[in-house]
Amino acid sequence: MRRDEFSRRLMREHRLSSDDLIYPVFVQDGPGREDAVPSLPGVSRKSIDRLLHDAERCMQLGVPAMALFPVIEAQHKTLDAAAAWDAQGLVPRTVRALKSRFPTLGVVTDVALDPYTSHGQDGLLDASGYVANDLTVAALVRQALCHAEAGADVVAPSDMMDGRIGALRAALDEAGFDQPRILAYSAKYASSFYGPFRDAVGSSANLAGGDKYTYQMDPGNGDEALWEVYLDLQEGADMVMVKPGLPYLDIVHRVKSTFGVPTAVYQVSGEYAMLKAAAGNGWLDERACVMESLTAFKRAGADAILTYFALDAAAWLK
């Protein structure tokens, strides 16, 4: 059965398609701006007008959705992250532009405060400098409502605060927003693979060597991930996320096997950068290794894959 391509295809258990992909993008104020991210070869921070070209490419290639990550200018970063729920802020304006031009393209927004805080943490700090869970949840609710008002299809809280899914679901329902889905970053690990992302959004300098161990998951824990997913589902999440990807395939598999719910995985910036670096040095075949890694996510049980390779992969699949 392995002898020929036709028989290998007939017995193949898992297949990747463009339907499985979500394209994460970095948006900045413009106009006409496109700045390369040195630690993410081939990835740029783009102004809204340039981002529309990527959205058009998603439509052409059959990529169902884009995930927005804002690059906030330093003067708009504050201790209270108030720019996160500004109705005229960068993310709401981007959502409105995308939905106006491409109404059938899914738009996913990141609900987290780290792009907006002057200290680079995902939450608000108390007097001792500790991330205050309940204060942060109240801020995240305001942010999610702002995104829903702008027309976001999916709000994706990536902060890992306790109780935020229930608070978001209640607030969205009370405000009459019954269409936005909640994609919960339920098992987000305190990983060392996020460095290039933090470079892209400009939070690494604000973080100034700090860490997020007090609220993101310990990489040594697996059972805890199932508990976190269970809690988010009980509170009203429509989809759950495991992040990062390849180092946590066992978690993806356990989540999908245990709950059978829509499960997403994020092939994070460090994973992308490693593949790009190896391919750039001629050590790996980029296309073959990218497609193998994406297929591994499907084999583990992922329904959706956030990857910076989304457009390339969709083109290769065509």
Protein backbone atom coordinates (compact mmCIF):
# COMPACT_ATOMS: atom_id res chain seq x y z
CA MET A 1 0.00 0.00 0.00
CA ARG A 2 2.98 2.32 0.37
CA ARG A 3 4.39 1.44 -3.04
CA ASP A 4 2.59 4.10 -5.12
CA GLU A 5 1.16 7.58 -4.59
CA PHE A 6 -2.37 6.46 -5.45
CA SER A 7 -2.44 3.76 -2.77
CA ARG A 8 -0.81 6.00 -0.18
CA ARG A 9 -3.58 8.52 -0.85
CA LEU A 10 -6.27 5.88 -0.52
CA MET A 11 -5.15 4.85 2.98
CA ARG A 12 -4.19 8.31 4.31
CA GLU A 13 -5.90 8.90 7.66
CA HIS A 14 -5.52 12.67 8.05
CA ARG A 15 -5.60 15.41 5.45
CA LEU A 16 -4.80 19.10 5.67
CA SER A 17 -6.84 21.67 3.76
CA SER A 18 -7.02 25.44 3.59
CA ASP A 19 -10.23 25.15 5.64
CA ASP A 20 -8.08 24.25 8.65
CA LEU A 21 -6.03 27.47 8.67
CA ILE A 22 -6.26 30.81 10.43
CA TYR A 23 -3.81 33.52 9.37
CA PRO A 24 -2.39 35.62 12.25
CA VAL A 25 -1.41 39.15 11.22
CA PHE A 26 0.15 42.21 12.84
CA VAL A 27 -1.64 45.50 12.21
CA GLN A 28 -0.26 48.97 12.83
CA ASP A 29 -1.43 52.52 12.26
CA GLY A 30 -0.64 53.87 8.83
CA PRO A 31 -1.28 54.55 6.05
CA GLY A 32 0.95 52.78 3.57
CA ARG A 33 3.17 51.14 6.17
CA GLU A 34 4.78 47.72 5.98
CA ASP A 35 7.69 46.97 8.33
CA ALA A 36 9.44 43.62 8.32
CA VAL A 37 9.86 41.75 11.60
CA PRO A 38 13.54 40.66 11.64
CA SER A 39 12.95 37.63 13.88
CA LEU A 40 10.02 36.48 11.69
CA PRO A 41 11.33 36.31 8.11
CA GLY A 42 8.54 36.94 5.63
CA VAL A 43 6.23 38.50 8.25
CA SER A 44 5.54 42.24 8.44
CA ARG A 45 3.63 44.71 10.56
CA LYS A 46 1.14 46.27 8.16
CA SER A 47 -1.20 49.23 8.11
CA ILE A 48 -4.88 48.57 7.48
CA ASP A 49 -4.72 49.38 3.77
CA ARG A 50 -1.88 46.89 3.25
CA LEU A 51 -3.65 44.30 5.39
CA LEU A 52 -6.60 44.34 3.01
CA HIS A 53 -4.35 42.77 0.37
CA ASP A 54 -3.66 39.87 2.73
CA ALA A 55 -7.38 39.52 3.37
CA GLU A 56 -8.01 39.36 -0.37
CA ARG A 57 -5.36 36.66 -0.66
CA CYS A 58 -7.09 34.68 2.11
CA MET A 59 -10.32 34.83 0.15
CA GLN A 60 -8.60 33.68 -3.04
CA LEU A 61 -6.87 30.76 -1.32
CA GLY A 62 -9.81 29.65 0.81
CA VAL A 63 -8.31 30.54 4.20
CA PRO A 64 -11.43 31.06 6.36
CA ALA A 65 -10.20 33.59 8.91
CA MET A 66 -7.57 36.10 9.98
CA ALA A 67 -6.49 36.75 13.57
CA LEU A 68 -5.56 40.34 14.41
CA PHE A 69 -2.70 41.33 16.70
CA PRO A 70 -2.18 45.07 17.14
CA VAL A 71 1.10 46.97 17.27
CA ILE A 72 0.33 49.86 19.61
CA GLU A 73 2.50 52.96 19.62
CA ALA A 74 4.33 53.71 22.85
CA GLN A 75 2.38 56.88 23.66
CA HIS A 76 -0.86 54.85 23.80
CA LYS A 77 0.46 52.27 26.29
CA THR A 78 -0.56 52.93 29.88
CA LEU A 79 -0.78 51.20 33.24
CA ASP A 80 -4.55 50.82 32.88
CA ALA A 81 -4.45 49.73 29.18
CA ALA A 82 -7.35 52.09 28.41
CA ALA A 83 -6.59 52.08 24.67
CA ALA A 84 -7.71 48.44 24.59
CA TRP A 85 -11.40 49.44 24.59
CA ASP A 86 -11.20 52.66 22.56
CA ALA A 87 -13.98 52.40 19.97
CA GLN A 88 -11.83 54.35 17.52
CA GLY A 89 -8.71 52.34 18.33
CA LEU A 90 -6.61 50.34 15.92
CA VAL A 91 -8.36 46.97 16.29
CA PRO A 92 -11.97 48.23 15.95
CA ARG A 93 -11.00 50.25 12.88
CA THR A 94 -9.30 47.21 11.37
CA VAL A 95 -12.29 44.99 12.07
CA ARG A 96 -14.67 47.47 10.44
CA ALA A 97 -12.43 47.81 7.37
CA LEU A 98 -12.12 44.05 6.92
CA LYS A 99 -15.81 43.28 7.43
CA SER A 100 -16.81 46.11 5.09
CA ARG A 101 -14.57 44.87 2.29
CA PHE A 102 -14.71 41.11 2.91
CA PRO A 103 -17.90 40.36 4.88
CA THR A 104 -17.55 36.57 4.62
CA LEU A 105 -13.97 36.44 5.91
CA GLY A 106 -13.81 35.45 9.57
CA VAL A 107 -12.17 38.07 11.79
CA VAL A 108 -10.67 36.92 15.09
CA THR A 109 -9.54 39.50 17.64
CA ASP A 110 -7.06 39.00 20.46
CA VAL A 111 -8.53 39.89 23.84
CA ALA A 112 -5.51 40.63 26.02
CA LEU A 113 -3.92 43.72 27.49
CA ASP A 114 -0.21 43.15 26.84
CA PRO A 115 -0.09 45.26 23.63
CA TYR A 116 -1.61 48.16 25.59
CA THR A 117 0.15 48.01 28.97
CA SER A 118 3.28 50.02 29.63
CA HIS A 119 4.75 47.03 31.51
CA GLY A 120 4.00 44.38 28.85
CA GLN A 121 1.98 42.06 31.10
CA ASP A 122 -1.37 40.58 30.00
CA GLY A 123 -3.16 42.12 32.96
CA LEU A 124 -3.41 45.06 35.29
CA LEU A 125 -1.02 45.19 38.24
CA ASP A 126 -1.84 45.66 41.91
CA ALA A 127 0.23 47.78 44.30
CA SER A 128 2.79 45.00 44.72
CA GLY A 129 3.27 44.53 40.96
CA TYR A 130 1.30 41.26 40.83
CA VAL A 131 -1.18 40.74 37.99
CA ALA A 132 -4.61 41.32 39.56
CA ASN A 133 -7.02 38.72 38.17
CA ASP A 134 -10.41 40.35 38.80
CA LEU A 135 -9.36 43.86 37.79
CA THR A 136 -7.99 42.40 34.59
CA VAL A 137 -11.17 40.45 33.84
CA ALA A 138 -13.21 43.65 34.10
CA ALA A 139 -10.87 45.31 31.60
CA LEU A 140 -11.05 42.32 29.24
CA VAL A 141 -14.84 42.51 29.26
CA ARG A 142 -14.68 46.12 28.10
CA GLN A 143 -12.19 45.15 25.38
CA ALA A 144 -14.29 42.23 24.11
CA LEU A 145 -17.45 44.37 23.99
CA CYS A 146 -15.54 46.97 21.99
CA HIS A 147 -14.48 44.32 19.47
CA ALA A 148 -17.98 42.86 19.24
CA GLU A 149 -19.43 46.31 18.62
CA ALA A 150 -16.96 46.74 15.73
CA GLY A 151 -18.15 43.48 14.16
CA ALA A 152 -15.61 40.85 15.22
CA ASP A 153 -16.74 37.32 14.44
CA VAL A 154 -14.61 35.69 17.14
CA VAL A 155 -13.15 37.14 20.31
CA ALA A 156 -10.16 35.19 21.55
CA PRO A 157 -9.11 35.87 25.15
CA SER A 158 -5.44 34.90 25.42
CA ASP A 159 -4.73 36.28 28.89
CA MET A 160 -5.22 33.13 31.03
CA MET A 161 -7.06 34.95 33.83
CA ASP A 162 -9.45 32.81 35.90
CA GLY A 163 -13.15 33.31 35.21
CA ARG A 164 -12.78 35.54 32.19
CA ILE A 165 -14.74 33.29 29.80
CA GLY A 166 -17.83 33.33 32.01
CA ALA A 167 -17.55 37.09 32.45
CA LEU A 168 -17.18 37.64 28.70
CA ARG A 169 -20.08 35.34 27.85
CA ALA A 170 -22.38 37.06 30.35
CA ALA A 171 -21.40 40.53 29.15
CA LEU A 172 -21.81 39.68 25.47
CA ASP A 173 -25.22 38.12 26.11
CA GLU A 174 -26.39 41.03 28.22
CA ALA A 175 -25.33 43.50 25.52
CA GLY A 176 -27.20 41.53 22.85
CA PHE A 177 -24.12 40.20 21.05
CA ASP A 178 -25.23 36.64 20.37
CA GLN A 179 -23.15 36.14 17.22
CA PRO A 180 -19.50 36.56 18.28
CA ARG A 181 -17.91 33.25 19.14
CA ILE A 182 -15.45 32.84 22.01
CA LEU A 183 -12.18 31.10 21.19
CA ALA A 184 -10.56 30.57 24.58
CA TYR A 185 -6.82 30.24 24.91
CA SER A 186 -7.50 27.60 27.53
CA ALA A 187 -4.12 25.88 27.68
CA LYS A 188 -1.60 28.66 27.07
CA TYR A 189 1.78 27.74 28.42
CA ALA A 190 4.47 30.04 29.84
CA SER A 191 6.62 29.12 26.87
CA SER A 192 10.00 30.32 25.64
CA PHE A 193 8.76 30.11 22.04
CA TYR A 194 6.97 33.50 22.07
CA GLY A 195 10.01 35.74 21.62
CA PRO A 196 9.57 36.77 17.97
CA PHE A 197 5.87 37.55 18.57
CA ARG A 198 6.78 39.89 21.41
CA ASP A 199 9.30 41.55 19.10
CA ALA A 200 6.57 42.01 16.49
CA VAL A 201 4.02 43.66 18.80
CA GLY A 202 6.64 45.57 20.76
CA SER A 203 5.88 44.10 24.18
CA SER A 204 9.30 42.51 24.79
CA ALA A 205 10.92 45.86 25.56
CA ASN A 206 8.10 46.76 27.96
CA LEU A 207 8.34 43.36 29.64
CA ALA A 208 12.01 44.16 30.31
CA GLY A 209 13.05 40.64 31.17
CA GLY A 210 9.91 39.89 33.16
CA ASP A 211 7.96 36.67 32.82
CA LYS A 212 4.37 35.43 32.86
CA TYR A 213 4.78 32.36 35.05
CA THR A 214 2.17 33.50 37.59
CA TYR A 215 -0.74 33.16 35.16
CA GLN A 216 0.34 31.13 32.11
CA MET A 217 0.65 27.34 32.47
CA ASP A 218 3.74 25.48 33.63
CA PRO A 219 5.23 23.55 30.67
CA GLY A 220 5.58 20.50 32.93
CA ASN A 221 1.84 20.16 33.48
CA GLY A 222 -0.60 18.16 31.37
CA ASP A 223 -3.53 17.27 33.63
CA GLU A 224 -3.91 20.95 34.52
CA ALA A 225 -4.59 21.71 30.85
CA LEU A 226 -7.65 19.45 30.91
CA TRP A 227 -8.93 21.21 34.01
CA GLU A 228 -8.45 24.63 32.39
CA VAL A 229 -10.26 23.49 29.23
CA TYR A 230 -13.10 22.03 31.29
CA LEU A 231 -13.58 25.28 33.20
CA ASP A 232 -13.63 27.38 30.02
CA LEU A 233 -16.17 25.08 28.40
CA GLN A 234 -18.37 25.24 31.48
CA GLU A 235 -18.19 29.04 31.34
CA GLY A 236 -19.32 29.17 27.70
CA ALA A 237 -16.32 28.88 25.36
CA ASP A 238 -17.20 27.84 21.80
CA MET A 239 -13.68 26.72 20.91
CA VAL A 240 -10.56 26.05 22.96
CA MET A 241 -6.92 26.69 22.11
CA VAL A 242 -3.64 24.99 22.92
CA LYS A 243 -0.56 27.20 22.61
CA PRO A 244 2.25 26.60 21.55
CA GLY A 245 1.83 23.84 18.99
CA LEU A 246 4.44 21.19 18.21
CA PRO A 247 5.92 20.99 21.75
CA TYR A 248 2.37 20.37 23.06
CA LEU A 249 0.90 17.88 20.58
CA ASP A 250 0.16 15.57 23.49
CA ILE A 251 -2.03 18.27 25.02
CA VAL A 252 -3.88 18.81 21.74
CA HIS A 253 -4.56 15.08 21.54
CA ARG A 254 -5.69 14.80 25.16
CA VAL A 255 -8.01 17.80 24.86
CA LYS A 256 -9.65 16.53 21.68
CA SER A 257 -9.92 12.96 22.96
CA THR A 258 -11.37 14.03 26.31
CA PHE A 259 -13.87 16.68 25.26
CA GLY A 260 -14.47 16.25 21.53
CA VAL A 261 -15.01 19.99 21.14
CA PRO A 262 -13.71 22.37 18.45
CA THR A 263 -10.00 22.55 19.24
CA ALA A 264 -7.49 25.03 17.86
CA VAL A 265 -3.71 25.07 18.09
CA TYR A 266 -1.26 27.92 17.54
CA GLN A 267 1.98 27.26 15.66
CA VAL A 268 3.68 30.13 17.44
CA SER A 269 6.31 32.59 16.31
CA GLY A 270 9.26 30.60 17.67
CA GLU A 271 8.15 27.49 15.79
CA TYR A 272 7.81 29.52 12.59
CA ALA A 273 11.18 31.22 13.09
CA MET A 274 13.00 27.91 13.63
CA LEU A 275 11.63 26.42 10.42
CA LYS A 276 12.43 29.59 8.49
CA ALA A 277 15.97 29.75 9.86
CA ALA A 278 16.70 26.11 9.07
CA ALA A 279 15.24 26.42 5.58
CA GLY A 280 17.10 29.67 4.98
CA ASN A 281 20.37 27.90 5.77
CA GLY A 282 19.53 25.03 3.46
CA TRP A 283 19.25 22.56 6.33
CA LEU A 284 15.57 21.68 5.75
CA ASP A 285 13.13 21.64 2.86
CA GLU A 286 10.76 24.42 3.95
CA ARG A 287 7.66 23.30 2.08
CA ALA A 288 7.99 19.63 3.07
CA CYS A 289 8.67 20.37 6.74
CA VAL A 290 5.93 23.00 7.05
CA MET A 291 3.33 20.69 5.56
CA GLU A 292 4.52 17.81 7.76
CA SER A 293 4.23 19.95 10.89
CA LEU A 294 0.75 21.19 9.96
CA THR A 295 -0.37 17.63 9.24
CA ALA A 296 0.91 16.66 12.69
CA PHE A 297 -1.54 19.13 14.23
CA LYS A 298 -4.38 17.51 12.31
CA ARG A 299 -3.23 14.05 13.36
CA ALA A 300 -3.17 15.14 17.00
CA GLY A 301 -6.80 16.29 16.72
CA ALA A 302 -6.73 20.01 15.90
CA ASP A 303 -9.68 21.44 14.00
CA ALA A 304 -8.07 24.84 13.36
CA ILE A 305 -4.43 25.89 13.11
CA LEU A 306 -3.16 29.42 13.58
CA THR A 307 0.02 29.65 11.54
CA TYR A 308 2.10 32.34 9.87
CA PHE A 309 2.52 29.83 7.05
CA ALA A 310 -1.24 29.94 6.30
CA LEU A 311 -1.02 31.69 2.93
CA ASP A 312 1.98 29.65 1.78
CA ALA A 313 0.39 26.40 2.90
CA ALA A 314 -2.91 27.22 1.22
CA ALA A 315 -1.09 28.03 -2.02
CA TRP A 316 0.88 24.77 -1.84
CA LEU A 317 -2.33 22.85 -1.24
CA LYS A 318 -3.82 24.38 -4.38
